[in-house]
Every structure is written in C-alpha cells, then in structure tokens.
C-alpha cells in the first residue's frame, strides 16, 4: 500500500522540465482546458518529492491545461515514500492504460523511456508489454522499439492505420531523406498499407540495379509523368507505376508477358475459357480453366481449344516457356 497525502500544490513547485514519466503526449490539452472551465473540476496529479522539487508521475496535461487558463494551484497526490524507477513508471503506465489502449507510437515511446531508465529488453518484454495488452513476445518489442524516431507524418499514418507496422519498422532504419521521398510518393498515389511493402521492395531493387539514390529514382521523368497526370485517378496511377516498376525490375518477364497477351488478344477467348501461364513463366506447363454449365458448353470449349491448336496458337504459347 502506497503512503500518500492529498494536498493543493503550487504548480511552480513542480519541475516541469522533467518528463521522465510523461506518457500523455496525445492528450488534447485544449479540450482538457475547456472541460476544466466548464466543470471547475480537475483530477489530482501524482507527484514524488525530489531534491529539485516535485516530479510528476502523471498529470502532465492537467498541469499544462491549468497554466493555460491562469491557474497555479492544482490538487495533487504526493508520494511519501521513495519508489524505484520501475515502480514509479508502472504507476504512470497504469494511468495511461486507464484512458484506453496504447497505439504503436506510444508503445515505442514507452519502450524508449524504460530503456533510458535502465530497464533492459527482457524486463520490458516480461513485465511491461503485458501491462500494455501484449504478450511476452520479443517480436513485439523489435517491431515497436524504434518507431519513436519516425517523423511526425509517418507516426500519424501509423496511428491512423494507414501504414503497416512491418513497413514502419523497416522504413525507420532508412535515411530520413529517403523515407520522406517514399512517403511523398505513397501519399500522392494513395497506396494502401497492404501494397506499400511491395512498392518499397520494387523501389529498393530498381534503385540498386540502376545504381541511383532512391530519392533520385522517384523523381525520374517517366515516373513523375504518371504521378502528375491529372487525368488519371490515384488507383490508375499506382497500377501504371507498378507496371513500369515490374518492367524495370523484371524486364525479361515483362517482355514475355506482353508477348503472351498479344498472342491471346488475336483469338479473343470468351471469359469462360481462361489460359494461365506458369508463374513468372518459370515452368513448361500452362493451366486451362473452363467454366461450364452444360455438356454442350463443355463441347464448345473443346472445339475452341482445338481451333487454337489448328491455328498454331498453342505452339506459340509453348515457345514462350
């Protein structure tokens, strides 16, 4: 049981520069100001006594809100016993969790604050991740630990679920100018989070193949001509750029696929009859799919396939693989 006392505390006696336990960056202080003005009520903050004054454990946003409306006295719960860093941080974390789940950026900030306080990875995984609603999974630690270093625009995309956690964990290790060039690219094309890693892999591979910087590659004229084309919708732009990237990354495959499509275009197959090439044309067998609802329709498809063979279409397709 903690030894505490409740008192009215002069905010000037709080060391406001000490944010060791501040987990309240996302609280809307303006909204809090409004609520305090309307109700006249502010919940007590929690402080501990140090040689340099009172140190906040939680209530940072409340202090800012009170100062903003001209108040200097705030109700406070004062700890009358010394706590270890981990014990004090656990109280701050509990206060944060009482307001709802933490987002990935907050998890990263919490990990960074714990490590700055001397808490090692094993302790974080064992004790603090479960407190945040995660299991004792080292992968969760690895995915989140560096996200606090991302620029605010990247962080906001992650918070808004517009960026996958895997993508964020990978892009954080990249030079800021490179990742921000890619950020502008995916934002302009509105590339969803399920496709971002695909585009990122292609961009990295092509830039490496062409021996150019990623930021320079993304500014190449043939890419920018598509990006800036006002007649194209974002989905059309991303599809065209993906096709362009594939042509650059897999030139032989792209050429073969183009020839495959040209051959089939000459025969105008019905949608119920589908010919599929081997994946990446790596193999020697095609797949033929028939969609039939009667014996007569099945016979028509067989005759159509025989016609393709008679016109030498099958041989031309086989020569592609």
C-alpha atoms as a PDB file:
ATOM      1  CA  UNK A   1       0.000   0.000   0.000  1.00  0.00           C
ATOM      2  CA  UNK A   2       1.451   3.340  -1.052  1.00  0.00           C
ATOM      3  CA  UNK A   3       1.894   6.081   1.533  1.00  0.00           C
ATOM      4  CA  UNK A   4       0.404   9.253   0.089  1.00  0.00           C
ATOM      5  CA  UNK A   5      -1.219  12.505   1.079  1.00  0.00           C
ATOM      6  CA  UNK A   6      -3.610  14.765  -0.813  1.00  0.00           C
ATOM      7  CA  UNK A   7      -2.828  18.456  -0.958  1.00  0.00           C
ATOM      8  CA  UNK A   8      -3.232  21.585  -3.059  1.00  0.00           C
ATOM      9  CA  UNK A   9       0.095  22.116  -4.789  1.00  0.00           C
ATOM     10  CA  UNK A  10       1.555  25.242  -6.345  1.00  0.00           C
ATOM     11  CA  UNK A  11       2.440  24.313  -9.923  1.00  0.00           C
ATOM     12  CA  UNK A  12       5.578  26.454  -9.699  1.00  0.00           C
ATOM     13  CA  UNK A  13       6.952  23.897  -7.269  1.00  0.00           C
ATOM     14  CA  UNK A  14       6.762  21.151  -9.925  1.00  0.00           C
ATOM     15  CA  UNK A  15       9.824  20.528 -12.081  1.00  0.00           C
ATOM     16  CA  UNK A  16       8.024  20.838 -15.411  1.00  0.00           C
ATOM     17  CA  UNK A  17      11.172  20.140 -17.445  1.00  0.00           C
ATOM     18  CA  UNK A  18      11.386  16.624 -16.035  1.00  0.00           C
ATOM     19  CA  UNK A  19       9.312  14.445 -18.392  1.00  0.00           C
ATOM     20  CA  UNK A  20      10.744  11.103 -17.321  1.00  0.00           C
ATOM     21  CA  UNK A  21       7.264   9.658 -16.831  1.00  0.00           C
ATOM     22  CA  UNK A  22       5.327  11.706 -19.394  1.00  0.00           C
ATOM     23  CA  UNK A  23       3.081   9.338 -21.373  1.00  0.00           C
ATOM     24  CA  UNK A  24       0.465  11.982 -22.181  1.00  0.00           C
ATOM     25  CA  UNK A  25       1.685  13.430 -25.497  1.00  0.00           C
ATOM     26  CA  UNK A  26      -1.551  12.587 -27.299  1.00  0.00           C
ATOM     27  CA  UNK A  27      -3.946  14.193 -24.819  1.00  0.00           C
ATOM     28  CA  UNK A  28      -5.786  17.172 -26.314  1.00  0.00           C
ATOM     29  CA  UNK A  29      -4.827  19.917 -23.863  1.00  0.00           C
ATOM     30  CA  UNK A  30      -7.235  22.449 -25.440  1.00  0.00           C
ATOM     31  CA  UNK A  31     -10.135  20.077 -24.901  1.00  0.00           C
ATOM     32  CA  UNK A  32      -8.992  19.486 -21.328  1.00  0.00           C
ATOM     33  CA  UNK A  33      -8.863  23.251 -20.731  1.00  0.00           C
ATOM     34  CA  UNK A  34     -12.452  23.560 -21.930  1.00  0.00           C
ATOM     35  CA  UNK A  35     -13.644  20.726 -19.678  1.00  0.00           C
ATOM     36  CA  UNK A  36     -11.961  22.245 -16.615  1.00  0.00           C
ATOM     37  CA  UNK A  37     -13.524  25.640 -17.328  1.00  0.00           C
ATOM     38  CA  UNK A  38     -16.979  24.107 -17.719  1.00  0.00           C
ATOM     39  CA  UNK A  39     -16.923  21.795 -14.688  1.00  0.00           C
ATOM     40  CA  UNK A  40     -14.438  23.516 -12.408  1.00  0.00           C
ATOM     41  CA  UNK A  41     -13.025  20.056 -11.666  1.00  0.00           C
ATOM     42  CA  UNK A  42      -9.556  18.687 -12.266  1.00  0.00           C
ATOM     43  CA  UNK A  43      -8.437  15.245 -11.114  1.00  0.00           C
ATOM     44  CA  UNK A  44      -5.370  15.169  -8.842  1.00  0.00           C
ATOM     45  CA  UNK A  45      -1.933  14.705 -10.365  1.00  0.00           C
ATOM     46  CA  UNK A  46       0.586  12.288  -8.874  1.00  0.00           C
ATOM     47  CA  UNK A  47       3.997  13.599  -7.758  1.00  0.00           C
ATOM     48  CA  UNK A  48       7.015  12.397  -5.872  1.00  0.00           C
ATOM     49  CA  UNK A  49       9.417  14.501  -3.849  1.00  0.00           C
ATOM     50  CA  UNK A  50      12.929  15.026  -5.233  1.00  0.00           C
ATOM     51  CA  UNK A  51      15.846  17.322  -4.375  1.00  0.00           C
ATOM     52  CA  UNK A  52      14.893  19.612  -7.256  1.00  0.00           C
ATOM     53  CA  UNK A  53      11.223  19.852  -6.302  1.00  0.00           C
ATOM     54  CA  UNK A  54       8.162  17.806  -7.070  1.00  0.00           C
ATOM     55  CA  UNK A  55       8.396  15.399 -10.019  1.00  0.00           C
ATOM     56  CA  UNK A  56       5.272  14.500 -11.964  1.00  0.00           C
ATOM     57  CA  UNK A  57       4.452  10.829 -12.447  1.00  0.00           C
ATOM     58  CA  UNK A  58       1.193  11.583 -14.217  1.00  0.00           C
ATOM     59  CA  UNK A  59      -0.967  14.627 -14.820  1.00  0.00           C
ATOM     60  CA  UNK A  60       1.306  16.458 -17.285  1.00  0.00           C
ATOM     61  CA  UNK A  61      -1.603  17.501 -19.499  1.00  0.00           C
ATOM     62  CA  UNK A  62      -3.602  18.690 -16.476  1.00  0.00           C
ATOM     63  CA  UNK A  63      -0.725  20.918 -15.381  1.00  0.00           C
ATOM     64  CA  UNK A  64      -0.469  22.443 -18.880  1.00  0.00           C
ATOM     65  CA  UNK A  65      -4.220  22.994 -19.018  1.00  0.00           C
ATOM     66  CA  UNK A  66      -4.319  24.687 -15.601  1.00  0.00           C
ATOM     67  CA  UNK A  67      -1.471  27.031 -16.518  1.00  0.00           C
ATOM     68  CA  UNK A  68      -3.189  27.838 -19.839  1.00  0.00           C
ATOM     69  CA  UNK A  69      -6.327  29.044 -18.022  1.00  0.00           C
ATOM     70  CA  UNK A  70      -4.306  31.027 -15.488  1.00  0.00           C
ATOM     71  CA  UNK A  71      -4.471  28.684 -12.522  1.00  0.00           C
ATOM     72  CA  UNK A  72      -1.362  27.891 -10.471  1.00  0.00           C
ATOM     73  CA  UNK A  73      -2.824  25.639  -7.761  1.00  0.00           C
ATOM     74  CA  UNK A  74      -3.658  22.028  -8.576  1.00  0.00           C
ATOM     75  CA  UNK A  75      -4.802  19.096  -6.412  1.00  0.00           C
ATOM     76  CA  UNK A  76      -2.022  16.554  -6.062  1.00  0.00           C
ATOM     77  CA  UNK A  77      -1.397  13.144  -4.578  1.00  0.00           C
ATOM     78  CA  UNK A  78       2.053  13.303  -3.025  1.00  0.00           C
ATOM     79  CA  UNK A  79       4.021  10.095  -2.525  1.00  0.00           C
ATOM     80  CA  UNK A  80       5.505   9.938   0.972  1.00  0.00           C
ATOM     81  CA  UNK A  81       7.864   7.088   0.175  1.00  0.00           C
ATOM     82  CA  UNK A  82      10.665   6.533  -2.302  1.00  0.00           C
ATOM     83  CA  UNK A  83       9.865   4.353  -5.313  1.00  0.00           C
ATOM     84  CA  UNK A  84      12.216   2.696  -7.737  1.00  0.00           C
ATOM     85  CA  UNK A  85      12.135   3.881 -11.347  1.00  0.00           C
ATOM     86  CA  UNK A  86      10.211   0.770 -12.407  1.00  0.00           C
ATOM     87  CA  UNK A  87       7.651   1.174  -9.612  1.00  0.00           C
ATOM     88  CA  UNK A  88       7.070   4.828 -10.468  1.00  0.00           C
ATOM     89  CA  UNK A  89       6.882   4.107 -14.194  1.00  0.00           C
ATOM     90  CA  UNK A  90       4.333   1.353 -13.555  1.00  0.00           C
ATOM     91  CA  UNK A  91       2.064   3.940 -11.899  1.00  0.00           C
ATOM     92  CA  UNK A  92       2.415   6.292 -14.869  1.00  0.00           C
ATOM     93  CA  UNK A  93       1.693   3.452 -17.262  1.00  0.00           C
ATOM     94  CA  UNK A  94      -1.378   2.373 -15.319  1.00  0.00           C
ATOM     95  CA  UNK A  95      -2.738   5.908 -15.509  1.00  0.00           C
ATOM     96  CA  UNK A  96      -2.176   5.870 -19.283  1.00  0.00           C
ATOM     97  CA  UNK A  97      -3.849   2.489 -19.710  1.00  0.00           C
ATOM     98  CA  UNK A  98      -6.887   3.710 -17.768  1.00  0.00           C
ATOM     99  CA  UNK A  99      -7.578   6.017 -20.743  1.00  0.00           C
ATOM    100  CA  UNK A 100      -7.652   3.161 -23.270  1.00  0.00           C
ATOM    101  CA  UNK A 101      -5.303   1.108 -25.472  1.00  0.00           C
ATOM    102  CA  UNK A 102      -1.915   2.486 -26.488  1.00  0.00           C
ATOM    103  CA  UNK A 103      -1.095   2.981 -30.166  1.00  0.00           C
ATOM    104  CA  UNK A 104       2.160   1.700 -31.741  1.00  0.00           C
ATOM    105  CA  UNK A 105       3.944   5.047 -31.418  1.00  0.00           C
ATOM    106  CA  UNK A 106       3.100   5.255 -27.723  1.00  0.00           C
ATOM    107  CA  UNK A 107       4.404   1.716 -27.239  1.00  0.00           C
ATOM    108  CA  UNK A 108       7.679   2.828 -28.811  1.00  0.00           C
ATOM    109  CA  UNK A 109       7.905   5.920 -26.589  1.00  0.00           C
ATOM    110  CA  UNK A 110       7.240   3.792 -23.511  1.00  0.00           C
ATOM    111  CA  UNK A 111       9.967   1.325 -24.507  1.00  0.00           C
ATOM    112  CA  UNK A 112      12.402   4.194 -25.118  1.00  0.00           C
ATOM    113  CA  UNK A 113      11.595   5.784 -21.739  1.00  0.00           C
ATOM    114  CA  UNK A 114      12.045   2.453 -19.958  1.00  0.00           C
ATOM    115  CA  UNK A 115      15.391   1.834 -21.624  1.00  0.00           C
ATOM    116  CA  UNK A 116      16.520   5.368 -20.771  1.00  0.00           C
ATOM    117  CA  UNK A 117      15.713   4.497 -17.162  1.00  0.00           C
ATOM    118  CA  UNK A 118      17.953   1.437 -17.286  1.00  0.00           C
ATOM    119  CA  UNK A 119      15.296  -1.231 -17.865  1.00  0.00           C
ATOM    120  CA  UNK A 120      16.570  -3.950 -20.213  1.00  0.00           C
ATOM    121  CA  UNK A 121      14.764  -5.728 -23.035  1.00  0.00           C
ATOM    122  CA  UNK A 122      13.968  -8.852 -21.014  1.00  0.00           C
ATOM    123  CA  UNK A 123      12.288  -6.845 -18.253  1.00  0.00           C
ATOM    124  CA  UNK A 124      10.288  -4.837 -20.785  1.00  0.00           C
ATOM    125  CA  UNK A 125       9.095  -7.992 -22.567  1.00  0.00           C
ATOM    126  CA  UNK A 126       8.366  -9.841 -19.347  1.00  0.00           C
ATOM    127  CA  UNK A 127       6.666  -7.134 -17.273  1.00  0.00           C
ATOM    128  CA  UNK A 128       5.700  -4.056 -19.291  1.00  0.00           C
ATOM    129  CA  UNK A 129       4.451  -5.423 -22.629  1.00  0.00           C
ATOM    130  CA  UNK A 130       1.738  -7.471 -20.839  1.00  0.00           C
ATOM    131  CA  UNK A 131       0.693  -4.290 -18.991  1.00  0.00           C
ATOM    132  CA  UNK A 132       0.116  -2.686 -22.393  1.00  0.00           C
ATOM    133  CA  UNK A 133      -2.032  -5.569 -23.595  1.00  0.00           C
ATOM    134  CA  UNK A 134       0.659  -7.503 -25.453  1.00  0.00           C
ATOM    135  CA  UNK A 135       2.006 -10.941 -24.713  1.00  0.00           C
ATOM    136  CA  UNK A 136       5.575 -11.617 -23.693  1.00  0.00           C
ATOM    137  CA  UNK A 137       6.648 -11.617 -27.311  1.00  0.00           C
ATOM    138  CA  UNK A 138      10.144 -10.317 -28.202  1.00  0.00           C
ATOM    139  CA  UNK A 139       8.941  -9.643 -31.767  1.00  0.00           C
ATOM    140  CA  UNK A 140       6.528  -7.010 -30.443  1.00  0.00           C
ATOM    141  CA  UNK A 141       9.493  -5.294 -28.809  1.00  0.00           C
ATOM    142  CA  UNK A 142      11.583  -5.412 -32.004  1.00  0.00           C
ATOM    143  CA  UNK A 143       8.762  -4.051 -34.191  1.00  0.00           C
ATOM    144  CA  UNK A 144       7.997  -1.123 -31.884  1.00  0.00           C
ATOM    145  CA  UNK A 145      11.246  -0.090 -30.242  1.00  0.00           C
ATOM    146  CA  UNK A 146      12.466   2.451 -32.843  1.00  0.00           C
ATOM    147  CA  UNK A 147       9.167   3.890 -34.089  1.00  0.00           C
ATOM    148  CA  UNK A 148       9.530   6.994 -31.894  1.00  0.00           C
ATOM    149  CA  UNK A 149      12.346   8.091 -34.256  1.00  0.00           C
ATOM    150  CA  UNK A 150       9.984   8.395 -37.235  1.00  0.00           C
ATOM    151  CA  UNK A 151       8.915  11.831 -38.381  1.00  0.00           C
ATOM    152  CA  UNK A 152       5.503  13.000 -37.206  1.00  0.00           C
ATOM    153  CA  UNK A 153       3.933  12.444 -40.642  1.00  0.00           C
ATOM    154  CA  UNK A 154       4.973   8.781 -40.596  1.00  0.00           C
ATOM    155  CA  UNK A 155       3.832   8.379 -36.997  1.00  0.00           C
ATOM    156  CA  UNK A 156       0.428   9.842 -37.811  1.00  0.00           C
ATOM    157  CA  UNK A 157      -0.039   7.420 -40.708  1.00  0.00           C
ATOM    158  CA  UNK A 158       0.721   4.559 -38.332  1.00  0.00           C
ATOM    159  CA  UNK A 159      -1.689   5.863 -35.692  1.00  0.00           C
ATOM    160  CA  UNK A 160      -4.392   6.332 -38.370  1.00  0.00           C
ATOM    161  CA  UNK A 161      -3.870   2.734 -39.568  1.00  0.00           C
ATOM    162  CA  UNK A 162      -2.647   3.932 -42.964  1.00  0.00           C
ATOM    163  CA  UNK A 163       0.744   2.286 -42.530  1.00  0.00           C
ATOM    164  CA  UNK A 164       1.500  -1.307 -41.586  1.00  0.00           C
ATOM    165  CA  UNK A 165       3.603  -1.991 -38.508  1.00  0.00           C
ATOM    166  CA  UNK A 166       6.012  -4.119 -40.550  1.00  0.00           C
ATOM    167  CA  UNK A 167       6.504  -1.295 -43.051  1.00  0.00           C
ATOM    168  CA  UNK A 168       7.071   1.249 -40.281  1.00  0.00           C
ATOM    169  CA  UNK A 169       9.605  -0.978 -38.519  1.00  0.00           C
ATOM    170  CA  UNK A 170      11.509  -1.408 -41.782  1.00  0.00           C
ATOM    171  CA  UNK A 171      11.427   2.192 -43.002  1.00  0.00           C
ATOM    172  CA  UNK A 172      12.651   3.612 -39.662  1.00  0.00           C
ATOM    173  CA  UNK A 173      16.146   2.263 -40.371  1.00  0.00           C
ATOM    174  CA  UNK A 174      16.356   4.198 -43.657  1.00  0.00           C
ATOM    175  CA  UNK A 175      17.899   7.650 -44.025  1.00  0.00           C
ATOM    176  CA  UNK A 176      15.268  10.366 -43.382  1.00  0.00           C
ATOM    177  CA  UNK A 177      15.550  11.959 -46.847  1.00  0.00           C
ATOM    178  CA  UNK A 178      14.968   8.578 -48.491  1.00  0.00           C
ATOM    179  CA  UNK A 179      12.000   7.574 -46.363  1.00  0.00           C
ATOM    180  CA  UNK A 180      10.410  11.001 -46.738  1.00  0.00           C
ATOM    181  CA  UNK A 181      10.790  10.814 -50.521  1.00  0.00           C
ATOM    182  CA  UNK A 182       8.989   7.474 -50.411  1.00  0.00           C
ATOM    183  CA  UNK A 183       6.355   8.917 -48.055  1.00  0.00           C
ATOM    184  CA  UNK A 184       5.539  11.654 -50.567  1.00  0.00           C
ATOM    185  CA  UNK A 185       5.338   9.023 -53.284  1.00  0.00           C
ATOM    186  CA  UNK A 186       2.871   6.712 -51.488  1.00  0.00           C
ATOM    187  CA  UNK A 187       0.777   9.640 -50.277  1.00  0.00           C
ATOM    188  CA  UNK A 188       0.480  11.095 -53.770  1.00  0.00           C
ATOM    189  CA  UNK A 189      -0.654   7.734 -55.150  1.00  0.00           C
ATOM    190  CA  UNK A 190      -2.713   6.832 -52.056  1.00  0.00           C
ATOM    191  CA  UNK A 191      -1.076   3.429 -51.895  1.00  0.00           C
ATOM    192  CA  UNK A 192      -2.803   1.376 -49.200  1.00  0.00           C
ATOM    193  CA  UNK A 193      -0.852  -0.228 -46.392  1.00  0.00           C
ATOM    194  CA  UNK A 194      -1.252  -3.720 -47.872  1.00  0.00           C
ATOM    195  CA  UNK A 195       0.671  -2.670 -51.025  1.00  0.00           C
ATOM    196  CA  UNK A 196       3.297  -0.371 -49.519  1.00  0.00           C
ATOM    197  CA  UNK A 197       5.865  -3.083 -48.818  1.00  0.00           C
ATOM    198  CA  UNK A 198       5.509  -4.387 -52.384  1.00  0.00           C
ATOM    199  CA  UNK A 199       6.249  -0.933 -53.818  1.00  0.00           C
ATOM    200  CA  UNK A 200       9.062  -0.368 -51.321  1.00  0.00           C
ATOM    201  CA  UNK A 201      10.749  -3.639 -52.313  1.00  0.00           C
ATOM    202  CA  UNK A 202      10.482  -2.765 -56.005  1.00  0.00           C
ATOM    203  CA  UNK A 203      11.833   0.746 -55.460  1.00  0.00           C
ATOM    204  CA  UNK A 204      14.817  -0.548 -53.482  1.00  0.00           C
ATOM    205  CA  UNK A 205      15.628  -3.254 -56.048  1.00  0.00           C
ATOM    206  CA  UNK A 206      15.393  -0.957 -59.072  1.00  0.00           C
ATOM    207  CA  UNK A 207      17.431   1.824 -57.462  1.00  0.00           C
ATOM    208  CA  UNK A 208      20.099  -0.743 -56.612  1.00  0.00           C
ATOM    209  CA  UNK A 209      20.049  -2.169 -60.153  1.00  0.00           C
ATOM    210  CA  UNK A 210      20.304   1.297 -61.714  1.00  0.00           C
ATOM    211  CA  UNK A 211      22.844   2.460 -59.125  1.00  0.00           C
ATOM    212  CA  UNK A 212      20.891   5.598 -58.233  1.00  0.00           C
ATOM    213  CA  UNK A 213      19.614   7.022 -54.962  1.00  0.00           C
ATOM    214  CA  UNK A 214      16.007   6.132 -54.168  1.00  0.00           C
ATOM    215  CA  UNK A 215      15.060   9.799 -53.849  1.00  0.00           C
ATOM    216  CA  UNK A 216      16.540  10.486 -57.315  1.00  0.00           C
ATOM    217  CA  UNK A 217      14.895   7.419 -58.825  1.00  0.00           C
ATOM    218  CA  UNK A 218      11.438   8.502 -57.654  1.00  0.00           C
ATOM    219  CA  UNK A 219      11.955  11.852 -59.398  1.00  0.00           C
ATOM    220  CA  UNK A 220      12.723  10.305 -62.798  1.00  0.00           C
ATOM    221  CA  UNK A 221      10.641  11.786 -65.605  1.00  0.00           C
ATOM    222  CA  UNK A 222       8.774   8.620 -66.619  1.00  0.00           C
ATOM    223  CA  UNK A 223       7.601   8.163 -63.008  1.00  0.00           C
ATOM    224  CA  UNK A 224       6.723  11.806 -62.438  1.00  0.00           C
ATOM    225  CA  UNK A 225       4.828  11.962 -65.739  1.00  0.00           C
ATOM    226  CA  UNK A 226       2.438   9.370 -64.322  1.00  0.00           C
ATOM    227  CA  UNK A 227       2.330  10.835 -60.796  1.00  0.00           C
ATOM    228  CA  UNK A 228       1.448  14.317 -62.074  1.00  0.00           C
ATOM    229  CA  UNK A 229      -1.033  13.233 -64.756  1.00  0.00           C
ATOM    230  CA  UNK A 230      -4.244  14.987 -63.694  1.00  0.00           C
ATOM    231  CA  UNK A 231      -6.358  12.815 -65.997  1.00  0.00           C
ATOM    232  CA  UNK A 232      -5.547   9.684 -64.013  1.00  0.00           C
ATOM    233  CA  UNK A 233      -7.151   8.636 -60.727  1.00  0.00           C
ATOM    234  CA  UNK A 234      -4.759   7.574 -57.923  1.00  0.00           C
ATOM    235  CA  UNK A 235      -5.621   3.899 -58.482  1.00  0.00           C
ATOM    236  CA  UNK A 236      -4.801   4.209 -62.189  1.00  0.00           C
ATOM    237  CA  UNK A 237      -1.530   5.952 -61.389  1.00  0.00           C
ATOM    238  CA  UNK A 238      -0.448   3.255 -58.932  1.00  0.00           C
ATOM    239  CA  UNK A 239      -1.340   0.496 -61.408  1.00  0.00           C
ATOM    240  CA  UNK A 240       0.649   2.140 -64.207  1.00  0.00           C
ATOM    241  CA  UNK A 241       3.627   2.780 -61.981  1.00  0.00           C
ATOM    242  CA  UNK A 242       3.538  -0.779 -60.705  1.00  0.00           C
ATOM    243  CA  UNK A 243       3.586  -1.983 -64.314  1.00  0.00           C
ATOM    244  CA  UNK A 244       6.512   0.343 -65.029  1.00  0.00           C
ATOM    245  CA  UNK A 245       8.365  -0.905 -61.954  1.00  0.00           C
ATOM    246  CA  UNK A 246       7.843  -4.520 -62.982  1.00  0.00           C
ATOM    247  CA  UNK A 247       9.200  -3.767 -66.439  1.00  0.00           C
ATOM    248  CA  UNK A 248      12.300  -2.265 -64.857  1.00  0.00           C
ATOM    249  CA  UNK A 249      12.736  -4.928 -62.185  1.00  0.00           C
ATOM    250  CA  UNK A 250      11.858  -7.957 -64.325  1.00  0.00           C
ATOM    251  CA  UNK A 251      12.480  -6.899 -67.943  1.00  0.00           C
ATOM    252  CA  UNK A 252      12.520 -10.425 -69.389  1.00  0.00           C
ATOM    253  CA  UNK A 253       9.341 -11.440 -67.585  1.00  0.00           C
ATOM    254  CA  UNK A 254       7.582  -8.223 -68.627  1.00  0.00           C
ATOM    255  CA  UNK A 255       8.538  -8.748 -72.257  1.00  0.00           C
ATOM    256  CA  UNK A 256       7.366 -12.368 -72.218  1.00  0.00           C
ATOM    257  CA  UNK A 257       4.087 -11.460 -70.525  1.00  0.00           C
ATOM    258  CA  UNK A 258       3.488  -8.785 -73.159  1.00  0.00           C
ATOM    259  CA  UNK A 259       4.002 -11.349 -75.949  1.00  0.00           C
ATOM    260  CA  UNK A 260       1.679 -13.771 -74.111  1.00  0.00           C
ATOM    261  CA  UNK A 261      -1.086 -11.160 -74.003  1.00  0.00           C
ATOM    262  CA  UNK A 262      -0.574 -10.228 -77.643  1.00  0.00           C
ATOM    263  CA  UNK A 263      -0.937 -13.867 -78.726  1.00  0.00           C
ATOM    264  CA  UNK A 264      -4.180 -14.327 -76.789  1.00  0.00           C
ATOM    265  CA  UNK A 265      -5.532 -10.999 -77.993  1.00  0.00           C
ATOM    266  CA  UNK A 266      -5.557 -12.343 -81.564  1.00  0.00           C
ATOM    267  CA  UNK A 267      -8.029 -15.111 -80.690  1.00  0.00           C
ATOM    268  CA  UNK A 268     -10.429 -13.234 -78.374  1.00  0.00           C
ATOM    269  CA  UNK A 269     -11.198 -16.005 -75.890  1.00  0.00           C
ATOM    270  CA  UNK A 270     -14.544 -15.892 -74.048  1.00  0.00           C
ATOM    271  CA  UNK A 271     -14.319 -15.131 -70.306  1.00  0.00           C
ATOM    272  CA  UNK A 272     -15.445 -18.695 -69.529  1.00  0.00           C
ATOM    273  CA  UNK A 273     -12.209 -20.040 -71.074  1.00  0.00           C
ATOM    274  CA  UNK A 274      -9.026 -18.975 -69.329  1.00  0.00           C
ATOM    275  CA  UNK A 275      -5.416 -19.858 -70.187  1.00  0.00           C
ATOM    276  CA  UNK A 276      -2.857 -19.185 -67.421  1.00  0.00           C
ATOM    277  CA  UNK A 277       0.884 -19.202 -67.935  1.00  0.00           C
ATOM    278  CA  UNK A 278       3.273 -20.728 -65.353  1.00  0.00           C
ATOM    279  CA  UNK A 279       4.173 -18.316 -62.526  1.00  0.00           C
ATOM    280  CA  UNK A 280       6.826 -15.918 -63.905  1.00  0.00           C
ATOM    281  CA  UNK A 281       6.937 -18.244 -66.949  1.00  0.00           C
ATOM    282  CA  UNK A 282       9.147 -20.467 -64.830  1.00  0.00           C
ATOM    283  CA  UNK A 283       7.951 -23.898 -65.932  1.00  0.00           C
ATOM    284  CA  UNK A 284       6.695 -25.663 -69.011  1.00  0.00           C
ATOM    285  CA  UNK A 285       3.005 -26.207 -68.248  1.00  0.00           C
ATOM    286  CA  UNK A 286       0.015 -23.961 -68.859  1.00  0.00           C
ATOM    287  CA  UNK A 287      -3.245 -24.160 -66.919  1.00  0.00           C
ATOM    288  CA  UNK A 288      -6.565 -24.081 -68.776  1.00  0.00           C
ATOM    289  CA  UNK A 289      -9.682 -23.229 -66.768  1.00  0.00           C
ATOM    290  CA  UNK A 290     -13.162 -23.949 -68.099  1.00  0.00           C
ATOM    291  CA  UNK A 291     -16.342 -22.524 -66.633  1.00  0.00           C
ATOM    292  CA  UNK A 292     -19.239 -24.638 -67.924  1.00  0.00           C
ATOM    293  CA  UNK A 293     -22.873 -25.196 -67.027  1.00  0.00           C
ATOM    294  CA  UNK A 294     -23.807 -27.835 -69.599  1.00  0.00           C
ATOM    295  CA  UNK A 295     -22.367 -30.617 -71.730  1.00  0.00           C
ATOM    296  CA  UNK A 296     -22.971 -28.509 -74.826  1.00  0.00           C
ATOM    297  CA  UNK A 297     -20.967 -25.629 -73.404  1.00  0.00           C
ATOM    298  CA  UNK A 298     -18.168 -28.024 -72.492  1.00  0.00           C
ATOM    299  CA  UNK A 299     -18.112 -29.306 -76.085  1.00  0.00           C
ATOM    300  CA  UNK A 300     -17.934 -25.744 -77.405  1.00  0.00           C
ATOM    301  CA  UNK A 301     -14.874 -25.061 -75.277  1.00  0.00           C
ATOM    302  CA  UNK A 302     -13.182 -28.211 -76.519  1.00  0.00           C
ATOM    303  CA  UNK A 303     -13.825 -27.169 -80.095  1.00  0.00           C
ATOM    304  CA  UNK A 304     -12.467 -23.723 -79.336  1.00  0.00           C
ATOM    305  CA  UNK A 305      -9.280 -25.228 -77.900  1.00  0.00           C
ATOM    306  CA  UNK A 306      -8.904 -27.440 -80.950  1.00  0.00           C
ATOM    307  CA  UNK A 307      -9.270 -24.353 -83.111  1.00  0.00           C
ATOM    308  CA  UNK A 308      -6.451 -22.684 -81.162  1.00  0.00           C
ATOM    309  CA  UNK A 309      -4.248 -25.682 -81.779  1.00  0.00           C
ATOM    310  CA  UNK A 310      -5.100 -25.710 -85.501  1.00  0.00           C
ATOM    311  CA  UNK A 311      -4.173 -22.027 -85.769  1.00  0.00           C
ATOM    312  CA  UNK A 312      -0.786 -22.707 -84.164  1.00  0.00           C
ATOM    313  CA  UNK A 313      -1.662 -20.613 -81.098  1.00  0.00           C
ATOM    314  CA  UNK A 314      -0.813 -23.397 -78.641  1.00  0.00           C
ATOM    315  CA  UNK A 315       2.627 -23.867 -80.172  1.00  0.00           C
ATOM    316  CA  UNK A 316       3.353 -20.151 -79.929  1.00  0.00           C
ATOM    317  CA  UNK A 317       2.375 -20.171 -76.264  1.00  0.00           C
ATOM    318  CA  UNK A 318       4.531 -23.193 -75.514  1.00  0.00           C
ATOM    319  CA  UNK A 319       7.519 -21.477 -77.109  1.00  0.00           C
ATOM    320  CA  UNK A 320       7.301 -18.701 -74.512  1.00  0.00           C
ATOM    321  CA  UNK A 321       8.301 -21.017 -71.643  1.00  0.00           C
END
